[in-house]
Amino acid sequence: MTTRVPDVTAHPFAKGHGAGNDFIVLPDPDGQLVLSAGDVTRLCDRRTGIGADGILRAVRCAADPEAAAMAAQAEWFMDYRNADGSNGAMCGNGIRVLARYLVDAALCLPGTLPIATRAGIRRVHVPHRSPAFQGPVTVSMGHPELPDTAGAEVAVAERRWAACHVDMGNPHAVVFVDDLAHAGDLRASPTVGPADAYPLGVTVEFVVDRGPGHLALRVHERGVGETQACGTGACAAVAAAMRRAARPAPAHYIVDAPGGRLSVEVLPDGAMKLTGPAAIVAQGTTGLTLSRSAWGTDSPYPQSPRTGPDSTGAYVAYSRNSYSGIVSTPGHTPM
């Protein structure tokens, strides 16, 4: 029988974003991190931590019990955590940022990457000629589900709107408003009813129709708060807009969020593809609780050292139990 002994050591991280929706990427290929909800909230704190909307732990499916059943279909699992420490099933911008990281860190080749999530396998395309650390990345988001939610509504102050429930692997309540300012400051969660409509909570999209194939939105994400963009939310908004207008597939929409522009392609069968910017902006090391296996180097998981794409310090080099590096911005030689 083996045991895992907690220890504290420096661990590499990368900071990235998709249209301003920002994430901390924690590479954990061999599944050694003990990442508590407290660790997540501490790291995501914008004043006392690194600051982010959530954490993307990059772990091989074979090394994580939660994803082991998907190991034959995908090498990597996106263990996504919201800023409040809760688990997330799917994150459209996060998975694009994770794919960007895996390619730029030389852990995957560019092209189409199958990545496991709690909502299943998603395929992400990082172009072969995409510039390092930035550029558009596309993810196949699957089919939206629009269950009946008659009577569901969202309220902010004295205003109320009928909500359209869309499931993109996570729940969304989409409302169409005359002005995005009607969403208020979104420092608190909008009121969503009836009480049993979303027992696990919900992400709320406030959407304005800007014209044919063009939407703008603001989002209050479950477990996070208002974010600069939301990939699953953009897809949910498109699904709700198409139902509202009785528009058949195929279709193409531009979705503007406070942090940038996303593109949603609706295929003839109704499946969606999400495209937008995905950038790695900095990296460094942080102190985390690392679970070191008591079997030493006899771990059944791969232990080979892996490094970033060049020798400029753009990525931290790391191996199983030793980490080195300094905070630096990709593309710049650290001092």
C-alpha atoms as a PDB file:
ATOM      1  CA  MET A   1       0.000   0.000   0.000  1.00  0.00           C
ATOM      2  CA  THR A   2       1.295   3.448  -0.877  1.00  0.00           C
ATOM      3  CA  THR A   3       0.780   6.718   0.906  1.00  0.00           C
ATOM      4  CA  ARG A   4       1.148  10.330  -0.058  1.00  0.00           C
ATOM      5  CA  VAL A   5       2.982  12.685   2.216  1.00  0.00           C
ATOM      6  CA  PRO A   6       2.087  16.397   1.969  1.00  0.00           C
ATOM      7  CA  ASP A   7       4.989  18.766   1.552  1.00  0.00           C
ATOM      8  CA  VAL A   8       5.306  22.400   0.608  1.00  0.00           C
ATOM      9  CA  THR A   9       7.504  23.337  -2.318  1.00  0.00           C
ATOM     10  CA  ALA A  10       7.708  25.905  -5.088  1.00  0.00           C
ATOM     11  CA  HIS A  11       5.474  24.997  -8.008  1.00  0.00           C
ATOM     12  CA  PRO A  12       5.361  26.550 -11.488  1.00  0.00           C
ATOM     13  CA  PHE A  13       2.362  28.434 -12.765  1.00  0.00           C
ATOM     14  CA  ALA A  14       1.391  30.368 -15.854  1.00  0.00           C
ATOM     15  CA  LYS A  15      -1.072  33.239 -16.112  1.00  0.00           C
ATOM     16  CA  GLY A  16      -3.272  33.417 -19.179  1.00  0.00           C
ATOM     17  CA  HIS A  17      -6.545  34.811 -20.421  1.00  0.00           C
ATOM     18  CA  GLY A  18      -9.146  34.414 -23.137  1.00  0.00           C
ATOM     19  CA  ALA A  19     -10.723  37.785 -23.990  1.00  0.00           C
ATOM     20  CA  GLY A  20      -9.928  39.045 -20.497  1.00  0.00           C
ATOM     21  CA  ASN A  21     -11.329  35.966 -18.731  1.00  0.00           C
ATOM     22  CA  ASP A  22      -8.158  35.136 -16.791  1.00  0.00           C
ATOM     23  CA  PHE A  23      -6.799  31.928 -15.312  1.00  0.00           C
ATOM     24  CA  ILE A  24      -3.884  30.482 -13.391  1.00  0.00           C
ATOM     25  CA  VAL A  25      -2.520  27.363 -15.091  1.00  0.00           C
ATOM     26  CA  LEU A  26      -0.945  24.846 -12.711  1.00  0.00           C
ATOM     27  CA  PRO A  27       0.972  22.115 -14.538  1.00  0.00           C
ATOM     28  CA  ASP A  28       0.584  18.862 -12.595  1.00  0.00           C
ATOM     29  CA  PRO A  29       1.267  16.141 -15.172  1.00  0.00           C
ATOM     30  CA  ASP A  30       1.693  13.349 -12.619  1.00  0.00           C
ATOM     31  CA  GLY A  31      -1.220  14.247 -10.355  1.00  0.00           C
ATOM     32  CA  GLN A  32       0.863  15.232  -7.329  1.00  0.00           C
ATOM     33  CA  LEU A  33      -0.834  18.441  -6.235  1.00  0.00           C
ATOM     34  CA  VAL A  34      -3.074  18.564  -3.184  1.00  0.00           C
ATOM     35  CA  LEU A  35      -5.171  21.564  -4.199  1.00  0.00           C
ATOM     36  CA  SER A  36      -7.733  22.603  -1.596  1.00  0.00           C
ATOM     37  CA  ALA A  37     -10.575  25.096  -1.991  1.00  0.00           C
ATOM     38  CA  GLY A  38      -8.564  27.389   0.287  1.00  0.00           C
ATOM     39  CA  ASP A  39      -5.555  27.165  -2.035  1.00  0.00           C
ATOM     40  CA  VAL A  40      -7.757  28.144  -4.954  1.00  0.00           C
ATOM     41  CA  THR A  41      -9.325  31.165  -3.274  1.00  0.00           C
ATOM     42  CA  ARG A  42      -5.933  32.292  -1.968  1.00  0.00           C
ATOM     43  CA  LEU A  43      -4.282  32.095  -5.382  1.00  0.00           C
ATOM     44  CA  CYS A  44      -7.222  33.730  -7.179  1.00  0.00           C
ATOM     45  CA  ASP A  45      -7.413  36.680  -4.767  1.00  0.00           C
ATOM     46  CA  ARG A  46      -6.597  39.806  -6.774  1.00  0.00           C
ATOM     47  CA  ARG A  47      -5.029  41.668  -3.859  1.00  0.00           C
ATOM     48  CA  THR A  48      -3.154  39.023  -1.881  1.00  0.00           C
ATOM     49  CA  GLY A  49      -2.725  36.262  -4.464  1.00  0.00           C
ATOM     50  CA  ILE A  50      -1.873  35.956  -8.137  1.00  0.00           C
ATOM     51  CA  GLY A  51      -5.395  36.946  -9.124  1.00  0.00           C
ATOM     52  CA  ALA A  52      -7.690  35.124 -11.550  1.00  0.00           C
ATOM     53  CA  ASP A  53     -11.236  34.062 -12.349  1.00  0.00           C
ATOM     54  CA  GLY A  54     -10.229  30.445 -11.816  1.00  0.00           C
ATOM     55  CA  ILE A  55      -7.541  27.780 -11.853  1.00  0.00           C
ATOM     56  CA  LEU A  56      -6.748  25.271 -14.600  1.00  0.00           C
ATOM     57  CA  ARG A  57      -4.856  22.286 -13.225  1.00  0.00           C
ATOM     58  CA  ALA A  58      -3.291  20.456 -16.153  1.00  0.00           C
ATOM     59  CA  VAL A  59      -3.011  16.780 -15.226  1.00  0.00           C
ATOM     60  CA  ARG A  60      -2.693  13.650 -17.320  1.00  0.00           C
ATOM     61  CA  CYS A  61      -5.898  11.640 -17.350  1.00  0.00           C
ATOM     62  CA  ALA A  62      -3.998   8.490 -16.393  1.00  0.00           C
ATOM     63  CA  ALA A  63      -2.718  10.218 -13.237  1.00  0.00           C
ATOM     64  CA  ASP A  64      -6.068  11.474 -11.955  1.00  0.00           C
ATOM     65  CA  PRO A  65      -8.794   9.129 -10.673  1.00  0.00           C
ATOM     66  CA  GLU A  66     -11.493  11.578 -11.761  1.00  0.00           C
ATOM     67  CA  ALA A  67     -10.337  11.421 -15.384  1.00  0.00           C
ATOM     68  CA  ALA A  68      -8.801   7.958 -15.663  1.00  0.00           C
ATOM     69  CA  ALA A  69     -11.793   6.591 -17.593  1.00  0.00           C
ATOM     70  CA  MET A  70     -11.107   9.147 -20.362  1.00  0.00           C
ATOM     71  CA  ALA A  71      -7.386   8.335 -20.682  1.00  0.00           C
ATOM     72  CA  ALA A  72      -7.911   6.331 -23.887  1.00  0.00           C
ATOM     73  CA  GLN A  73      -9.478   9.379 -25.558  1.00  0.00           C
ATOM     74  CA  ALA A  74      -7.374  12.247 -24.196  1.00  0.00           C
ATOM     75  CA  GLU A  75      -3.950  12.626 -22.617  1.00  0.00           C
ATOM     76  CA  TRP A  76      -4.796  15.730 -20.581  1.00  0.00           C
ATOM     77  CA  PHE A  77      -7.561  16.574 -18.109  1.00  0.00           C
ATOM     78  CA  MET A  78      -8.665  20.124 -17.336  1.00  0.00           C
ATOM     79  CA  ASP A  79      -9.327  20.205 -13.590  1.00  0.00           C
ATOM     80  CA  TYR A  80     -11.112  23.545 -13.536  1.00  0.00           C
ATOM     81  CA  ARG A  81     -11.774  25.351 -10.250  1.00  0.00           C
ATOM     82  CA  ASN A  82     -13.842  28.512  -9.873  1.00  0.00           C
ATOM     83  CA  ALA A  83     -12.363  31.395  -7.896  1.00  0.00           C
ATOM     84  CA  ASP A  84     -14.472  30.433  -4.864  1.00  0.00           C
ATOM     85  CA  GLY A  85     -12.818  26.992  -4.809  1.00  0.00           C
ATOM     86  CA  SER A  86     -15.724  25.038  -6.295  1.00  0.00           C
ATOM     87  CA  ASN A  87     -15.283  22.572  -9.151  1.00  0.00           C
ATOM     88  CA  GLY A  88     -16.343  23.581 -12.656  1.00  0.00           C
ATOM     89  CA  ALA A  89     -17.490  21.089 -15.266  1.00  0.00           C
ATOM     90  CA  MET A  90     -16.607  23.126 -18.342  1.00  0.00           C
ATOM     91  CA  CYS A  91     -15.019  26.466 -19.220  1.00  0.00           C
ATOM     92  CA  GLY A  92     -14.879  27.552 -22.853  1.00  0.00           C
ATOM     93  CA  ASN A  93     -12.224  30.231 -22.432  1.00  0.00           C
ATOM     94  CA  GLY A  94     -10.299  28.198 -19.879  1.00  0.00           C
ATOM     95  CA  ILE A  95      -9.920  25.161 -22.116  1.00  0.00           C
ATOM     96  CA  ARG A  96      -8.642  27.377 -24.920  1.00  0.00           C
ATOM     97  CA  VAL A  97      -6.068  28.927 -22.593  1.00  0.00           C
ATOM     98  CA  LEU A  98      -5.064  25.475 -21.365  1.00  0.00           C
ATOM     99  CA  ALA A  99      -4.541  24.248 -24.929  1.00  0.00           C
ATOM    100  CA  ARG A 100      -2.432  27.316 -25.674  1.00  0.00           C
ATOM    101  CA  TYR A 101      -0.308  26.558 -22.613  1.00  0.00           C
ATOM    102  CA  LEU A 102       0.148  22.868 -23.481  1.00  0.00           C
ATOM    103  CA  VAL A 103       1.353  23.716 -26.986  1.00  0.00           C
ATOM    104  CA  ASP A 104       3.607  26.603 -25.982  1.00  0.00           C
ATOM    105  CA  ALA A 105       5.114  24.557 -23.147  1.00  0.00           C
ATOM    106  CA  ALA A 106       5.956  21.780 -25.645  1.00  0.00           C
ATOM    107  CA  LEU A 107       3.699  19.309 -23.843  1.00  0.00           C
ATOM    108  CA  CYS A 108       1.526  18.897 -26.960  1.00  0.00           C
ATOM    109  CA  LEU A 109       1.988  19.501 -30.656  1.00  0.00           C
ATOM    110  CA  PRO A 110      -0.109  22.178 -32.351  1.00  0.00           C
ATOM    111  CA  GLY A 111      -3.199  21.061 -34.194  1.00  0.00           C
ATOM    112  CA  THR A 112      -6.283  19.460 -32.675  1.00  0.00           C
ATOM    113  CA  LEU A 113      -5.991  18.409 -29.021  1.00  0.00           C
ATOM    114  CA  PRO A 114      -8.595  16.254 -27.263  1.00  0.00           C
ATOM    115  CA  ILE A 115      -8.868  17.490 -23.671  1.00  0.00           C
ATOM    116  CA  ALA A 116     -10.943  15.802 -20.978  1.00  0.00           C
ATOM    117  CA  THR A 117     -13.280  17.857 -18.790  1.00  0.00           C
ATOM    118  CA  ARG A 118     -15.942  17.025 -16.219  1.00  0.00           C
ATOM    119  CA  ALA A 119     -18.433  17.581 -19.052  1.00  0.00           C
ATOM    120  CA  GLY A 120     -16.662  15.091 -21.330  1.00  0.00           C
ATOM    121  CA  ILE A 121     -14.079  15.319 -24.096  1.00  0.00           C
ATOM    122  CA  ARG A 122     -13.663  18.596 -25.950  1.00  0.00           C
ATOM    123  CA  ARG A 123     -11.456  19.071 -29.005  1.00  0.00           C
ATOM    124  CA  VAL A 124      -9.393  22.239 -29.181  1.00  0.00           C
ATOM    125  CA  HIS A 125      -7.548  23.495 -32.239  1.00  0.00           C
ATOM    126  CA  VAL A 126      -4.333  25.499 -31.867  1.00  0.00           C
ATOM    127  CA  PRO A 127      -3.142  26.545 -35.348  1.00  0.00           C
ATOM    128  CA  HIS A 128       0.271  25.298 -36.439  1.00  0.00           C
ATOM    129  CA  ARG A 129       1.381  28.788 -37.412  1.00  0.00           C
ATOM    130  CA  SER A 130      -0.123  30.504 -34.401  1.00  0.00           C
ATOM    131  CA  PRO A 131       2.315  32.959 -32.775  1.00  0.00           C
ATOM    132  CA  ALA A 132       3.732  31.813 -29.456  1.00  0.00           C
ATOM    133  CA  PHE A 133       1.812  32.803 -26.329  1.00  0.00           C
ATOM    134  CA  GLN A 134      -1.102  34.391 -28.183  1.00  0.00           C
ATOM    135  CA  GLY A 135      -3.485  34.150 -31.111  1.00  0.00           C
ATOM    136  CA  PRO A 136      -6.938  32.642 -31.718  1.00  0.00           C
ATOM    137  CA  VAL A 137      -7.792  29.163 -30.487  1.00  0.00           C
ATOM    138  CA  THR A 138     -10.971  27.226 -31.340  1.00  0.00           C
ATOM    139  CA  VAL A 139     -12.827  24.662 -29.240  1.00  0.00           C
ATOM    140  CA  SER A 140     -15.657  22.364 -30.299  1.00  0.00           C
ATOM    141  CA  MET A 141     -18.264  23.020 -27.610  1.00  0.00           C
ATOM    142  CA  GLY A 142     -20.793  20.325 -28.460  1.00  0.00           C
ATOM    143  CA  HIS A 143     -24.557  20.798 -28.579  1.00  0.00           C
ATOM    144  CA  PRO A 144     -26.391  23.207 -26.290  1.00  0.00           C
ATOM    145  CA  GLU A 145     -29.303  21.817 -24.328  1.00  0.00           C
ATOM    146  CA  LEU A 146     -32.330  24.045 -23.779  1.00  0.00           C
ATOM    147  CA  PRO A 147     -34.581  22.394 -21.207  1.00  0.00           C
ATOM    148  CA  ASP A 148     -37.977  23.875 -20.483  1.00  0.00           C
ATOM    149  CA  THR A 149     -37.732  26.571 -17.825  1.00  0.00           C
ATOM    150  CA  ALA A 150     -41.158  28.137 -18.015  1.00  0.00           C
ATOM    151  CA  GLY A 151     -41.478  30.716 -15.263  1.00  0.00           C
ATOM    152  CA  ALA A 152     -37.756  31.135 -14.627  1.00  0.00           C
ATOM    153  CA  GLU A 153     -36.687  34.749 -14.317  1.00  0.00           C
ATOM    154  CA  VAL A 154     -33.782  36.976 -13.375  1.00  0.00           C
ATOM    155  CA  ALA A 155     -34.181  40.155 -11.341  1.00  0.00           C
ATOM    156  CA  VAL A 156     -31.891  43.108 -10.682  1.00  0.00           C
ATOM    157  CA  ALA A 157     -33.328  45.844  -8.458  1.00  0.00           C
ATOM    158  CA  GLU A 158     -36.821  46.596  -9.823  1.00  0.00           C
ATOM    159  CA  ARG A 159     -36.291  45.006 -13.227  1.00  0.00           C
ATOM    160  CA  ARG A 160     -37.253  41.433 -14.100  1.00  0.00           C
ATOM    161  CA  TRP A 161     -36.703  39.382 -17.229  1.00  0.00           C
ATOM    162  CA  ALA A 162     -37.831  35.938 -18.378  1.00  0.00           C
ATOM    163  CA  ALA A 163     -34.831  33.602 -18.493  1.00  0.00           C
ATOM    164  CA  CYS A 164     -33.876  31.024 -21.102  1.00  0.00           C
ATOM    165  CA  HIS A 165     -32.097  28.036 -19.560  1.00  0.00           C
ATOM    166  CA  VAL A 166     -29.168  26.767 -21.626  1.00  0.00           C
ATOM    167  CA  ASP A 167     -26.828  23.958 -20.586  1.00  0.00           C
ATOM    168  CA  MET A 168     -23.355  24.004 -22.145  1.00  0.00           C
ATOM    169  CA  GLY A 169     -21.935  21.453 -19.718  1.00  0.00           C
ATOM    170  CA  ASN A 170     -22.701  24.038 -17.030  1.00  0.00           C
ATOM    171  CA  PRO A 171     -26.004  25.874 -16.401  1.00  0.00           C
ATOM    172  CA  HIS A 172     -26.822  29.303 -17.807  1.00  0.00           C
ATOM    173  CA  ALA A 173     -29.775  31.654 -17.441  1.00  0.00           C
ATOM    174  CA  VAL A 174     -29.867  34.005 -20.441  1.00  0.00           C
ATOM    175  CA  VAL A 175     -31.916  37.202 -20.427  1.00  0.00           C
ATOM    176  CA  PHE A 176     -32.278  39.808 -23.166  1.00  0.00           C
ATOM    177  CA  VAL A 177     -32.132  43.417 -22.005  1.00  0.00           C
ATOM    178  CA  ASP A 178     -32.483  46.824 -23.644  1.00  0.00           C
ATOM    179  CA  ASP A 179     -29.239  48.129 -22.160  1.00  0.00           C
ATOM    180  CA  LEU A 180     -26.310  46.260 -20.586  1.00  0.00           C
ATOM    181  CA  ALA A 181     -26.271  48.885 -17.840  1.00  0.00           C
ATOM    182  CA  HIS A 182     -29.556  47.413 -16.596  1.00  0.00           C
ATOM    183  CA  ALA A 183     -27.519  44.520 -15.171  1.00  0.00           C
ATOM    184  CA  GLY A 184     -26.277  46.882 -12.465  1.00  0.00           C
ATOM    185  CA  ASP A 185     -22.788  46.659 -11.006  1.00  0.00           C
ATOM    186  CA  LEU A 186     -23.001  42.835 -10.649  1.00  0.00           C
ATOM    187  CA  ARG A 187     -21.064  42.921  -7.386  1.00  0.00           C
ATOM    188  CA  ALA A 188     -23.740  40.632  -5.992  1.00  0.00           C
ATOM    189  CA  SER A 189     -25.405  37.672  -7.686  1.00  0.00           C
ATOM    190  CA  PRO A 190     -28.570  38.545  -9.597  1.00  0.00           C
ATOM    191  CA  THR A 191     -31.749  37.100  -8.118  1.00  0.00           C
ATOM    192  CA  VAL A 192     -32.822  34.007 -10.032  1.00  0.00           C
ATOM    193  CA  GLY A 193     -36.138  32.280  -9.432  1.00  0.00           C
ATOM    194  CA  PRO A 194     -37.975  30.183  -8.669  1.00  0.00           C
ATOM    195  CA  ALA A 195     -35.719  28.880  -5.908  1.00  0.00           C
ATOM    196  CA  ASP A 196     -35.601  25.343  -7.297  1.00  0.00           C
ATOM    197  CA  ALA A 197     -34.870  26.352 -10.894  1.00  0.00           C
ATOM    198  CA  TYR A 198     -31.092  26.092 -10.455  1.00  0.00           C
ATOM    199  CA  PRO A 199     -30.352  24.083  -7.311  1.00  0.00           C
ATOM    200  CA  LEU A 200     -26.580  24.124  -7.964  1.00  0.00           C
ATOM    201  CA  GLY A 201     -26.434  27.781  -8.908  1.00  0.00           C
ATOM    202  CA  VAL A 202     -26.258  29.346 -12.355  1.00  0.00           C
ATOM    203  CA  THR A 203     -24.257  31.683 -14.558  1.00  0.00           C
ATOM    204  CA  VAL A 204     -26.363  34.620 -15.757  1.00  0.00           C
ATOM    205  CA  GLU A 205     -25.928  36.342 -19.130  1.00  0.00           C
ATOM    206  CA  PHE A 206     -27.378  39.784 -19.805  1.00  0.00           C
ATOM    207  CA  VAL A 207     -27.573  40.061 -23.598  1.00  0.00           C
ATOM    208  CA  VAL A 208     -28.240  42.889 -26.056  1.00  0.00           C
ATOM    209  CA  ASP A 209     -29.029  42.161 -29.700  1.00  0.00           C
ATOM    210  CA  ARG A 210     -26.741  44.418 -31.773  1.00  0.00           C
ATOM    211  CA  GLY A 211     -28.067  43.274 -35.157  1.00  0.00           C
ATOM    212  CA  PRO A 212     -28.048  40.159 -37.357  1.00  0.00           C
ATOM    213  CA  GLY A 213     -25.470  37.721 -36.022  1.00  0.00           C
ATOM    214  CA  HIS A 214     -24.138  40.183 -33.451  1.00  0.00           C
ATOM    215  CA  LEU A 215     -24.650  40.070 -29.680  1.00  0.00           C
ATOM    216  CA  ALA A 216     -23.113  41.877 -26.721  1.00  0.00           C
ATOM    217  CA  LEU A 217     -23.240  40.629 -23.160  1.00  0.00           C
ATOM    218  CA  ARG A 218     -22.225  40.933 -19.550  1.00  0.00           C
ATOM    219  CA  VAL A 219     -21.883  37.857 -17.377  1.00  0.00           C
ATOM    220  CA  HIS A 220     -22.135  37.003 -13.706  1.00  0.00           C
ATOM    221  CA  GLU A 221     -20.415  33.622 -13.412  1.00  0.00           C
ATOM    222  CA  ARG A 222     -21.358  31.065 -10.819  1.00  0.00           C
ATOM    223  CA  GLY A 223     -18.541  30.793  -8.285  1.00  0.00           C
ATOM    224  CA  VAL A 224     -16.715  33.860  -9.615  1.00  0.00           C
ATOM    225  CA  GLY A 225     -18.770  37.036 -10.079  1.00  0.00           C
ATOM    226  CA  GLU A 226     -18.733  39.345 -13.082  1.00  0.00           C
ATOM    227  CA  THR A 227     -16.065  38.322 -15.588  1.00  0.00           C
ATOM    228  CA  GLN A 228     -14.698  40.089 -18.646  1.00  0.00           C
ATOM    229  CA  ALA A 229     -15.889  37.262 -20.910  1.00  0.00           C
ATOM    230  CA  CYS A 230     -17.372  33.773 -20.713  1.00  0.00           C
ATOM    231  CA  GLY A 231     -16.952  31.174 -23.446  1.00  0.00           C
ATOM    232  CA  THR A 232     -19.788  28.872 -22.443  1.00  0.00           C
ATOM    233  CA  GLY A 233     -21.841  32.013 -21.785  1.00  0.00           C
ATOM    234  CA  ALA A 234     -21.249  33.288 -25.327  1.00  0.00           C
ATOM    235  CA  CYS A 235     -22.464  29.961 -26.701  1.00  0.00           C
ATOM    236  CA  ALA A 236     -25.462  29.992 -24.363  1.00  0.00           C
ATOM    237  CA  ALA A 237     -26.346  33.507 -25.522  1.00  0.00           C
ATOM    238  CA  VAL A 238     -26.218  32.411 -29.159  1.00  0.00           C
ATOM    239  CA  ALA A 239     -28.399  29.369 -28.459  1.00  0.00           C
ATOM    240  CA  ALA A 240     -30.968  31.559 -26.691  1.00  0.00           C
ATOM    241  CA  ALA A 241     -30.854  34.172 -29.472  1.00  0.00           C
ATOM    242  CA  MET A 242     -31.441  31.547 -32.153  1.00  0.00           C
ATOM    243  CA  ARG A 243     -34.413  30.134 -30.247  1.00  0.00           C
ATOM    244  CA  ARG A 244     -35.788  33.640 -29.703  1.00  0.00           C
ATOM    245  CA  ALA A 245     -35.541  34.480 -33.416  1.00  0.00           C
ATOM    246  CA  ALA A 246     -36.493  30.971 -34.576  1.00  0.00           C
ATOM    247  CA  ARG A 247     -33.280  31.025 -36.606  1.00  0.00           C
ATOM    248  CA  PRO A 248     -32.172  27.647 -37.965  1.00  0.00           C
ATOM    249  CA  ALA A 249     -28.605  26.373 -38.117  1.00  0.00           C
ATOM    250  CA  PRO A 250     -26.069  26.886 -39.595  1.00  0.00           C
ATOM    251  CA  ALA A 251     -25.251  30.330 -38.316  1.00  0.00           C
ATOM    252  CA  HIS A 252     -22.351  32.525 -37.281  1.00  0.00           C
ATOM    253  CA  TYR A 253     -22.396  35.049 -34.450  1.00  0.00           C
ATOM    254  CA  ILE A 254     -20.023  37.659 -33.098  1.00  0.00           C
ATOM    255  CA  VAL A 255     -20.315  38.076 -29.326  1.00  0.00           C
ATOM    256  CA  ASP A 256     -18.788  41.155 -27.735  1.00  0.00           C
ATOM    257  CA  ALA A 257     -17.897  41.011 -24.047  1.00  0.00           C
ATOM    258  CA  PRO A 258     -16.226  43.696 -21.920  1.00  0.00           C
ATOM    259  CA  GLY A 259     -12.872  41.940 -22.340  1.00  0.00           C
ATOM    260  CA  GLY A 260     -12.974  41.235 -26.052  1.00  0.00           C
ATOM    261  CA  ARG A 261     -14.704  39.588 -28.979  1.00  0.00           C
ATOM    262  CA  LEU A 262     -15.606  35.922 -29.352  1.00  0.00           C
ATOM    263  CA  SER A 263     -16.891  34.111 -32.422  1.00  0.00           C
ATOM    264  CA  VAL A 264     -19.460  31.310 -32.296  1.00  0.00           C
ATOM    265  CA  GLU A 265     -20.057  29.091 -35.318  1.00  0.00           C
ATOM    266  CA  VAL A 266     -23.209  26.968 -35.270  1.00  0.00           C
ATOM    267  CA  LEU A 267     -22.822  23.902 -37.485  1.00  0.00           C
ATOM    268  CA  PRO A 268     -25.685  22.406 -39.511  1.00  0.00           C
ATOM    269  CA  ASP A 269     -26.337  19.802 -36.791  1.00  0.00           C
ATOM    270  CA  GLY A 270     -26.503  22.503 -34.094  1.00  0.00           C
ATOM    271  CA  ALA A 271     -23.087  21.826 -32.552  1.00  0.00           C
ATOM    272  CA  MET A 272     -21.043  24.924 -31.713  1.00  0.00           C
ATOM    273  CA  LYS A 273     -17.454  26.039 -32.181  1.00  0.00           C
ATOM    274  CA  LEU A 274     -16.034  28.867 -30.082  1.00  0.00           C
ATOM    275  CA  THR A 275     -13.090  30.934 -31.334  1.00  0.00           C
ATOM    276  CA  GLY A 276     -11.280  33.789 -29.654  1.00  0.00           C
ATOM    277  CA  PRO A 277      -7.961  35.044 -28.353  1.00  0.00           C
ATOM    278  CA  ALA A 278      -6.002  32.904 -25.910  1.00  0.00           C
ATOM    279  CA  ALA A 279      -2.800  34.286 -24.455  1.00  0.00           C
ATOM    280  CA  ILE A 280      -0.166  33.326 -21.888  1.00  0.00           C
ATOM    281  CA  VAL A 281       1.042  36.569 -20.333  1.00  0.00           C
ATOM    282  CA  ALA A 282       3.364  35.590 -17.471  1.00  0.00           C
ATOM    283  CA  GLN A 283       4.754  32.693 -15.461  1.00  0.00           C
ATOM    284  CA  GLY A 284       6.570  32.008 -12.237  1.00  0.00           C
ATOM    285  CA  THR A 285       6.517  29.821  -9.142  1.00  0.00           C
ATOM    286  CA  THR A 286       4.240  29.698  -6.126  1.00  0.00           C
ATOM    287  CA  GLY A 287       4.167  27.757  -2.872  1.00  0.00           C
ATOM    288  CA  LEU A 288       1.650  24.922  -2.917  1.00  0.00           C
ATOM    289  CA  THR A 289       1.123  21.723  -1.006  1.00  0.00           C
ATOM    290  CA  LEU A 290       2.636  19.000  -3.165  1.00  0.00           C
ATOM    291  CA  SER A 291       1.797  15.381  -2.480  1.00  0.00           C
ATOM    292  CA  ARG A 292       4.974  13.362  -2.973  1.00  0.00           C
ATOM    293  CA  SER A 293       4.459   9.695  -3.509  1.00  0.00           C
ATOM    294  CA  ALA A 294       5.995   7.424  -0.878  1.00  0.00           C
ATOM    295  CA  TRP A 295       7.120   5.080  -3.664  1.00  0.00           C
ATOM    296  CA  GLY A 296       9.789   7.598  -4.725  1.00  0.00           C
ATOM    297  CA  THR A 297      10.852   7.160  -8.325  1.00  0.00           C
ATOM    298  CA  ASP A 298       8.796   3.977  -8.648  1.00  0.00           C
ATOM    299  CA  SER A 299       5.629   5.929  -9.464  1.00  0.00           C
ATOM    300  CA  PRO A 300       3.728   4.319 -12.348  1.00  0.00           C
ATOM    301  CA  TYR A 301       3.280   7.775 -13.904  1.00  0.00           C
ATOM    302  CA  PRO A 302       5.799   9.381 -16.273  1.00  0.00           C
ATOM    303  CA  GLN A 303       8.489  11.331 -14.441  1.00  0.00           C
ATOM    304  CA  SER A 304      10.626  12.680 -17.266  1.00  0.00           C
ATOM    305  CA  PRO A 305      11.691  16.319 -17.001  1.00  0.00           C
ATOM    306  CA  ARG A 306       9.878  18.698 -19.333  1.00  0.00           C
ATOM    307  CA  THR A 307      10.791  22.210 -20.309  1.00  0.00           C
ATOM    308  CA  GLY A 308       9.382  25.146 -22.191  1.00  0.00           C
ATOM    309  CA  PRO A 309       9.992  25.980 -25.845  1.00  0.00           C
ATOM    310  CA  ASP A 310      13.210  27.975 -25.501  1.00  0.00           C
ATOM    311  CA  SER A 311      15.987  28.967 -23.124  1.00  0.00           C
ATOM    312  CA  THR A 312      14.852  32.526 -22.459  1.00  0.00           C
ATOM    313  CA  GLY A 313      13.125  31.657 -19.212  1.00  0.00           C
ATOM    314  CA  ALA A 314       9.716  32.103 -20.826  1.00  0.00           C
ATOM    315  CA  TYR A 315       8.609  28.952 -19.048  1.00  0.00           C
ATOM    316  CA  VAL A 316       9.756  27.337 -15.849  1.00  0.00           C
ATOM    317  CA  ALA A 317      11.627  24.089 -16.294  1.00  0.00           C
ATOM    318  CA  TYR A 318      10.349  21.426 -13.959  1.00  0.00           C
ATOM    319  CA  SER A 319      10.765  17.809 -13.095  1.00  0.00           C
ATOM    320  CA  ARG A 320       9.150  15.594 -10.541  1.00  0.00           C
ATOM    321  CA  ASN A 321      10.384  16.935  -7.223  1.00  0.00           C
ATOM    322  CA  SER A 322      12.472  19.949  -8.121  1.00  0.00           C
ATOM    323  CA  TYR A 323      11.253  23.255  -9.476  1.00  0.00           C
ATOM    324  CA  SER A 324      13.198  26.281 -10.579  1.00  0.00           C
ATOM    325  CA  GLY A 325      12.407  29.518 -12.313  1.00  0.00           C
ATOM    326  CA  ILE A 326      11.593  33.153 -11.797  1.00  0.00           C
ATOM    327  CA  VAL A 327       8.622  35.279 -12.646  1.00  0.00           C
ATOM    328  CA  SER A 328       8.865  36.429 -16.232  1.00  0.00           C
ATOM    329  CA  THR A 329       6.710  37.530 -19.119  1.00  0.00           C
ATOM    330  CA  PRO A 330       6.660  35.287 -22.197  1.00  0.00           C
ATOM    331  CA  GLY A 331       8.811  36.669 -24.958  1.00  0.00           C
ATOM    332  CA  HIS A 332      11.050  38.589 -22.576  1.00  0.00           C
ATOM    333  CA  THR A 333      14.370  37.395 -21.213  1.00  0.00           C
ATOM    334  CA  PRO A 334      14.253  37.456 -17.388  1.00  0.00           C
ATOM    335  CA  MET A 335      16.819  39.592 -15.597  1.00  0.00           C
END
